[in-house]
Amino acid sequence: MSEHQGKIDRKLLKRPDEFVSFVNHGTKWARENPQTALGVGVALAVVVVLSGFGGWWIQRRDARSGAEFYAAIELFDRQQWDEAREGFELLAGDFGSTTYGHLGKLYVGRSALGAGENTQATTAFESYLEGGALTPAVAQLTRLDLGLALAAAGETDRARGVLESIAQEKGPAQPEAQLALARFADMNGPPDAALKAYAAYLEARPQGPARALVRARIFALGGTLPQPPMPQMPQMPGASNIHIEEG
């Protein structure tokens, strides 16, 4: 090992620390420019205060929007459609930029749908979807609501198009869309289309809430129930290695 290795360079020790130099330069500049330094200090203080106030205001806004949403959802659960819709409309108007405020737009539509105001429900659902749904699953369920609102409003072709698109994609609303399409075909024909859609519902939701109605309609239309899938028997461990020897 070289005898110079590990020795401290005295020249480096004599160099001033960079942070200390920066502070010294800053102090000197502040003494030479007192008015400017004061202005910079005030500006920094204002930024800090506004930053803290902004965080507090956002938290307070989110808390208020959540409280108003749950107040309105209680009315919705009681099927007080008009009162619930008014609460959701106020929420969406006052806190539209928050998550709860945006969700309020969806429940404006659902409240209107519950009250039988199908045209207003359609407008609300379309507005919510244009703003972007919370998740793909919520978007699909909202499209189902939109299809049902369109059907109730007499816009059959638009309703069928929305429901057919949902029935062709995986998601929580797919079975309900298949059921709605089956009812369309059941009322308007042809019977084969209704039987196919009813069967698709039973295959997707064999224990679904509408299974009794669907089974009855399949029998009424002269169809047969879809066969449930055969359960697979579990294979015994080592079964593939068993050989039968002839005596």
Protein backbone atom coordinates (compact mmCIF):
# COMPACT_ATOMS: atom_id res chain seq x y z
CA MET A 1 0.00 0.00 0.00
CA SER A 2 1.32 3.45 -0.86
CA GLU A 3 2.36 5.56 2.10
CA HIS A 4 0.35 8.47 0.65
CA GLN A 5 -2.87 6.50 0.67
CA GLY A 6 -5.13 7.32 3.59
CA LYS A 7 -3.47 10.69 4.26
CA ILE A 8 -5.73 13.74 4.45
CA ASP A 9 -5.11 16.39 1.83
CA ARG A 10 -4.43 19.59 3.76
CA LYS A 11 -5.49 21.66 0.75
CA LEU A 12 -8.92 20.06 0.85
CA LEU A 13 -9.22 20.88 4.54
CA LYS A 14 -8.53 24.51 3.81
CA ARG A 15 -11.36 24.69 1.22
CA PRO A 16 -14.57 26.21 2.62
CA ASP A 17 -17.63 23.96 2.90
CA GLU A 18 -19.96 24.51 -0.09
CA PHE A 19 -23.09 24.87 2.04
CA VAL A 20 -21.36 27.30 4.38
CA SER A 21 -20.17 29.29 1.37
CA PHE A 22 -23.69 29.37 -0.03
CA VAL A 23 -25.10 30.60 3.29
CA ASN A 24 -22.40 33.23 3.58
CA HIS A 25 -23.10 34.50 0.06
CA GLY A 26 -26.84 34.54 0.81
CA THR A 27 -26.33 36.49 4.01
CA LYS A 28 -24.10 38.99 2.27
CA TRP A 29 -26.62 39.43 -0.54
CA ALA A 30 -29.45 39.97 1.98
CA ARG A 31 -27.43 42.70 3.76
CA GLU A 32 -26.76 44.42 0.47
CA ASN A 33 -30.39 44.05 -0.80
CA PRO A 34 -32.59 44.32 2.30
CA GLN A 35 -35.80 45.28 0.52
CA THR A 36 -35.55 42.49 -2.04
CA ALA A 37 -34.62 39.96 0.64
CA LEU A 38 -37.65 41.01 2.69
CA GLY A 39 -39.92 40.57 -0.33
CA VAL A 40 -38.51 37.10 -1.04
CA GLY A 41 -38.99 36.09 2.59
CA VAL A 42 -42.58 37.29 2.61
CA ALA A 43 -43.29 35.47 -0.64
CA LEU A 44 -41.88 32.20 0.74
CA ALA A 45 -43.94 32.60 3.89
CA VAL A 46 -47.09 33.18 1.84
CA VAL A 47 -46.39 30.04 -0.22
CA VAL A 48 -46.01 27.95 2.93
CA VAL A 49 -49.21 29.36 4.44
CA LEU A 50 -51.21 28.88 1.25
CA SER A 51 -49.92 25.34 0.88
CA GLY A 52 -51.10 24.46 4.37
CA PHE A 53 -54.43 26.21 3.87
CA GLY A 54 -54.93 24.45 0.53
CA GLY A 55 -54.44 21.04 2.11
CA TRP A 56 -56.86 21.89 4.91
CA TRP A 57 -59.44 23.22 2.45
CA ILE A 58 -59.24 20.09 0.26
CA GLN A 59 -59.72 17.83 3.28
CA ARG A 60 -62.66 19.90 4.47
CA ARG A 61 -64.24 19.90 0.99
CA ASP A 62 -63.89 16.11 0.67
CA ALA A 63 -65.38 15.60 4.13
CA ARG A 64 -68.38 17.79 3.30
CA SER A 65 -68.97 16.11 -0.05
CA GLY A 66 -68.88 12.69 1.63
CA ALA A 67 -71.35 13.76 4.32
CA GLU A 68 -73.77 15.17 1.72
CA PHE A 69 -73.49 12.03 -0.42
CA TYR A 70 -74.38 9.71 2.47
CA ALA A 71 -77.24 11.96 3.52
CA ALA A 72 -78.69 11.72 0.01
CA ILE A 73 -78.05 7.98 -0.26
CA GLU A 74 -80.19 7.39 2.83
CA LEU A 75 -83.09 9.06 1.02
CA PHE A 76 -82.31 6.96 -2.06
CA ASP A 77 -82.40 3.73 -0.04
CA ARG A 78 -85.82 4.76 1.33
CA GLN A 79 -86.98 5.28 -2.27
CA GLN A 80 -87.66 8.95 -1.62
CA TRP A 81 -86.72 9.62 -5.21
CA ASP A 82 -87.45 13.35 -5.47
CA GLU A 83 -85.69 14.26 -2.23
CA ALA A 84 -82.72 12.03 -3.06
CA ARG A 85 -82.41 13.50 -6.53
CA GLU A 86 -82.42 17.03 -5.14
CA GLY A 87 -79.66 16.12 -2.70
CA PHE A 88 -77.52 14.54 -5.42
CA GLU A 89 -78.05 17.51 -7.74
CA LEU A 90 -76.85 19.91 -5.02
CA LEU A 91 -73.87 17.67 -4.34
CA ALA A 92 -72.91 17.51 -8.03
CA GLY A 93 -73.32 21.27 -8.39
CA ASP A 94 -71.33 22.27 -5.28
CA PHE A 95 -68.67 19.55 -5.28
CA GLY A 96 -68.58 18.33 -8.88
CA SER A 97 -64.77 18.11 -8.89
CA THR A 98 -64.70 15.62 -6.01
CA THR A 99 -65.19 11.87 -6.25
CA TYR A 100 -68.48 12.03 -4.33
CA GLY A 101 -69.64 15.00 -6.40
CA HIS A 102 -69.03 13.13 -9.64
CA LEU A 103 -70.73 10.04 -8.23
CA GLY A 104 -73.68 12.27 -7.37
CA LYS A 105 -74.29 12.71 -11.12
CA LEU A 106 -74.77 8.96 -11.44
CA TYR A 107 -77.27 8.90 -8.58
CA VAL A 108 -79.18 11.82 -10.06
CA GLY A 109 -79.90 9.44 -12.94
CA ARG A 110 -80.72 6.51 -10.70
CA SER A 111 -83.08 8.64 -8.61
CA ALA A 112 -84.81 9.87 -11.77
CA LEU A 113 -85.07 6.29 -13.04
CA GLY A 114 -86.62 5.20 -9.76
CA ALA A 115 -89.17 8.01 -10.07
CA GLY A 116 -90.04 7.01 -13.64
CA GLU A 117 -88.51 10.17 -15.13
CA ASN A 118 -86.76 8.25 -17.87
CA THR A 119 -85.72 11.11 -20.15
CA GLN A 120 -84.04 12.95 -17.26
CA ALA A 121 -82.40 9.70 -16.18
CA THR A 122 -80.99 9.18 -19.68
CA THR A 123 -79.47 12.67 -19.69
CA ALA A 124 -77.90 12.16 -16.25
CA PHE A 125 -76.40 8.78 -17.16
CA GLU A 126 -74.91 10.14 -20.37
CA SER A 127 -73.45 13.11 -18.46
CA TYR A 128 -71.84 10.80 -15.90
CA LEU A 129 -70.33 8.55 -18.58
CA GLU A 130 -68.95 11.54 -20.49
CA GLY A 131 -67.13 12.67 -17.35
CA GLY A 132 -65.54 9.25 -16.89
CA ALA A 133 -66.79 6.51 -14.59
CA LEU A 134 -64.97 5.57 -11.40
CA THR A 135 -64.09 2.05 -12.67
CA PRO A 136 -64.85 -0.03 -15.80
CA ALA A 137 -67.34 -2.07 -13.74
CA VAL A 138 -69.22 1.08 -12.69
CA ALA A 139 -69.19 2.25 -16.31
CA GLN A 140 -70.79 -1.02 -17.46
CA LEU A 141 -73.45 -0.88 -14.74
CA THR A 142 -74.20 2.73 -15.70
CA ARG A 143 -74.59 1.71 -19.34
CA LEU A 144 -77.06 -0.95 -18.20
CA ASP A 145 -79.03 1.75 -16.37
CA LEU A 146 -78.86 3.87 -19.50
CA GLY A 147 -80.21 1.03 -21.64
CA LEU A 148 -83.09 0.43 -19.24
CA ALA A 149 -83.88 4.17 -19.15
CA LEU A 150 -83.89 4.33 -22.95
CA ALA A 151 -86.18 1.31 -23.14
CA ALA A 152 -88.57 2.82 -20.60
CA ALA A 153 -88.53 6.09 -22.54
CA GLY A 154 -89.57 4.24 -25.72
CA GLU A 155 -86.21 4.54 -27.51
CA THR A 156 -86.17 0.83 -28.30
CA ASP A 157 -83.48 0.78 -30.99
CA ARG A 158 -80.99 2.78 -28.92
CA ALA A 159 -81.76 0.67 -25.88
CA ARG A 160 -81.21 -2.57 -27.76
CA GLY A 161 -77.87 -1.32 -29.13
CA VAL A 162 -76.61 -0.40 -25.65
CA LEU A 163 -77.74 -3.70 -24.12
CA GLU A 164 -76.31 -5.81 -26.95
CA SER A 165 -72.90 -4.19 -26.50
CA ILE A 166 -72.98 -5.01 -22.76
CA ALA A 167 -74.16 -8.59 -23.36
CA GLN A 168 -71.08 -9.24 -25.52
CA GLU A 169 -68.52 -8.24 -22.88
CA LYS A 170 -67.57 -9.69 -19.52
CA GLY A 171 -68.58 -7.74 -16.46
CA PRO A 172 -71.09 -7.45 -13.63
CA ALA A 173 -73.86 -6.10 -15.87
CA GLN A 174 -73.59 -8.78 -18.58
CA PRO A 175 -76.24 -11.20 -17.20
CA GLU A 176 -78.74 -8.40 -16.58
CA ALA A 177 -78.20 -7.10 -20.12
CA GLN A 178 -78.86 -10.61 -21.46
CA LEU A 179 -82.06 -10.76 -19.42
CA ALA A 180 -83.21 -7.37 -20.71
CA LEU A 181 -82.53 -8.46 -24.31
CA ALA A 182 -84.50 -11.66 -23.69
CA ARG A 183 -87.48 -9.62 -22.52
CA PHE A 184 -87.21 -7.43 -25.62
CA ALA A 185 -87.29 -10.47 -27.88
CA ASP A 186 -90.03 -12.08 -25.78
CA MET A 187 -92.29 -9.07 -26.33
CA ASN A 188 -91.37 -8.31 -29.94
CA GLY A 189 -90.09 -11.62 -31.33
CA PRO A 190 -88.69 -13.77 -32.67
CA PRO A 191 -89.08 -16.54 -30.04
CA ASP A 192 -85.75 -18.14 -30.94
CA ALA A 193 -83.90 -14.94 -29.99
CA ALA A 194 -85.73 -14.81 -26.68
CA LEU A 195 -84.91 -18.46 -25.92
CA LYS A 196 -81.24 -17.90 -26.73
CA ALA A 197 -81.03 -14.83 -24.49
CA TYR A 198 -82.90 -16.52 -21.62
CA ALA A 199 -80.55 -19.50 -21.86
CA ALA A 200 -77.53 -17.18 -21.82
CA TYR A 201 -78.82 -15.61 -18.60
CA LEU A 202 -79.26 -18.99 -16.90
CA GLU A 203 -75.79 -20.12 -17.98
CA ALA A 204 -74.23 -16.94 -16.60
CA ARG A 205 -76.31 -16.82 -13.40
CA PRO A 206 -77.81 -20.25 -12.66
CA GLN A 207 -78.81 -19.01 -9.19
CA GLY A 208 -79.71 -15.47 -10.31
CA PRO A 209 -82.70 -13.66 -8.82
CA ALA A 210 -84.69 -13.96 -12.07
CA ARG A 211 -84.08 -17.69 -12.60
CA ALA A 212 -87.66 -18.73 -11.76
CA LEU A 213 -89.12 -16.22 -14.23
CA VAL A 214 -86.60 -17.19 -16.91
CA ARG A 215 -87.31 -20.91 -16.51
CA ALA A 216 -91.06 -20.27 -16.76
CA ARG A 217 -90.64 -18.20 -19.93
CA ILE A 218 -88.42 -20.84 -21.54
CA PHE A 219 -91.10 -23.51 -20.96
CA ALA A 220 -93.85 -21.13 -22.17
CA LEU A 221 -91.93 -20.52 -25.43
CA GLY A 222 -91.54 -24.29 -25.98
CA GLY A 223 -87.84 -24.40 -25.19
CA THR A 224 -85.76 -26.64 -22.96
CA LEU A 225 -83.58 -25.65 -20.07
CA PRO A 226 -79.83 -25.54 -20.71
CA GLN A 227 -77.97 -28.49 -19.24
CA PRO A 228 -75.77 -27.59 -16.28
CA PRO A 229 -72.07 -28.37 -16.80
CA MET A 230 -71.04 -31.82 -15.63
CA PRO A 231 -68.93 -31.65 -12.48
CA GLN A 232 -65.39 -32.95 -12.98
CA MET A 233 -64.45 -35.86 -10.77
CA PRO A 234 -61.21 -35.26 -8.89
CA GLN A 235 -58.43 -37.59 -9.97
CA MET A 236 -56.97 -39.81 -7.29
CA PRO A 237 -53.30 -39.16 -6.56
CA GLY A 238 -51.12 -41.63 -8.42
CA ALA A 239 -54.04 -42.98 -10.47
CA SER A 240 -52.14 -42.48 -13.72
CA ASN A 241 -49.35 -44.69 -12.45
CA ILE A 242 -51.54 -47.74 -11.74
CA HIS A 243 -50.92 -50.65 -14.10
CA ILE A 244 -52.92 -53.86 -14.27
CA GLU A 245 -50.79 -56.91 -14.85
CA GLU A 246 -52.23 -59.94 -16.57
CA GLY A 247 -51.75 -63.18 -14.67
